[in-house]
Each structure stands twice: as structure tokens, then as C-alpha cells.
């Protein structure tokens, strides 16, 4: 996965952290958790606030 795979990342986060409310996650934690996902292979500084917002939004949709 790459940073642009927002829906795949969101699904993986939902599976890995089923008890976490994605509306309360800090972007610093979100960034770290994405980097730690199995199958994630991208450079840490290729992400930004807009990408993290997109991942968070997709994760919220996944959780609903």
C-alpha cells in the first residue's frame, strides 16, 4: 500500500484497531499507525495533512 491507497489503508486500520473511534485520532498517531501496517510500503514524508484527512474520512466511513 501507498499513501494514496486511502480506502485500503482505512480498511486495514479498521481491522487492526476495531475499538478505536477514528473521529478522535490524532494525525501523529494516525501517521504512525499507517506506517506500522503490514503491507504498507511508502516513504514517511510523502504524507501530509490532506492525505491523513482522507484516510481518517475513509476510516470513519468504514466504521459506520
Protein backbone atom coordinates (compact mmCIF):
# COMPACT_ATOMS: atom_id res chain seq x y z
CA UNK A 1 0.00 0.00 0.00
CA UNK A 2 0.99 3.59 -0.63
CA UNK A 3 -0.29 6.81 0.96
CA UNK A 4 -2.71 7.26 -1.93
CA UNK A 5 -4.45 3.94 -1.18
CA UNK A 6 -6.70 5.65 1.34
CA UNK A 7 -9.54 3.11 1.27
CA UNK A 8 -7.22 0.12 1.59
CA UNK A 9 -5.44 1.83 4.47
CA UNK A 10 -8.74 2.69 6.15
CA UNK A 11 -9.94 -0.93 5.89
CA UNK A 12 -6.66 -2.19 7.32
CA UNK A 13 -6.85 0.30 10.21
CA UNK A 14 -10.44 -0.70 10.90
CA UNK A 15 -9.40 -4.35 11.06
CA UNK A 16 -6.34 -3.69 13.22
CA UNK A 17 -7.97 -1.18 15.61
CA UNK A 18 -11.67 -2.15 15.77
CA UNK A 19 -12.24 -0.43 19.14
CA UNK A 20 -10.76 2.94 18.13
CA UNK A 21 -13.09 5.81 17.27
CA UNK A 22 -11.48 7.29 14.14
CA UNK A 23 -13.02 10.70 14.84
CA UNK A 24 -10.80 11.08 17.92
CA UNK A 25 -7.46 10.01 16.44
CA UNK A 26 -4.59 12.50 16.31
CA UNK A 27 -2.78 12.78 12.99
CA UNK A 28 0.55 11.97 14.65
CA UNK A 29 -0.89 8.66 15.85
CA UNK A 30 -2.63 8.02 12.54
CA UNK A 31 0.63 8.58 10.65
CA UNK A 32 2.50 6.16 12.92
CA UNK A 33 -0.24 3.51 12.71
CA UNK A 34 -0.30 3.67 8.92
CA UNK A 35 3.48 3.30 8.77
CA UNK A 36 3.21 0.21 11.01
CA UNK A 37 0.56 -1.55 8.87
CA UNK A 38 1.51 -4.86 7.28
CA UNK A 39 1.81 -4.33 3.56
CA UNK A 40 2.44 -0.59 3.80
CA UNK A 41 5.48 0.38 1.76
CA UNK A 42 5.86 4.12 1.24
CA UNK A 43 8.08 6.91 2.48
CA UNK A 44 7.02 8.60 5.73
CA UNK A 45 7.30 12.16 4.46
CA UNK A 46 5.14 11.57 1.40
CA UNK A 47 2.07 12.05 3.55
CA UNK A 48 0.54 15.33 4.54
CA UNK A 49 -2.49 16.71 6.29
CA UNK A 50 -4.74 16.24 3.25
CA UNK A 51 -3.79 12.58 2.87
CA UNK A 52 -4.24 11.92 6.58
CA UNK A 53 -7.64 13.65 6.47
CA UNK A 54 -8.65 11.44 3.52
CA UNK A 55 -7.55 8.31 5.38
CA UNK A 56 -9.40 9.40 8.52
CA UNK A 57 -12.54 10.14 6.50
CA UNK A 58 -12.40 6.75 4.79
CA UNK A 59 -11.87 5.06 8.16
CA UNK A 60 -14.93 6.86 9.56
CA UNK A 61 -16.97 5.58 6.59
CA UNK A 62 -15.63 2.08 7.15
CA UNK A 63 -16.59 2.19 10.83
CA UNK A 64 -20.19 3.22 10.11
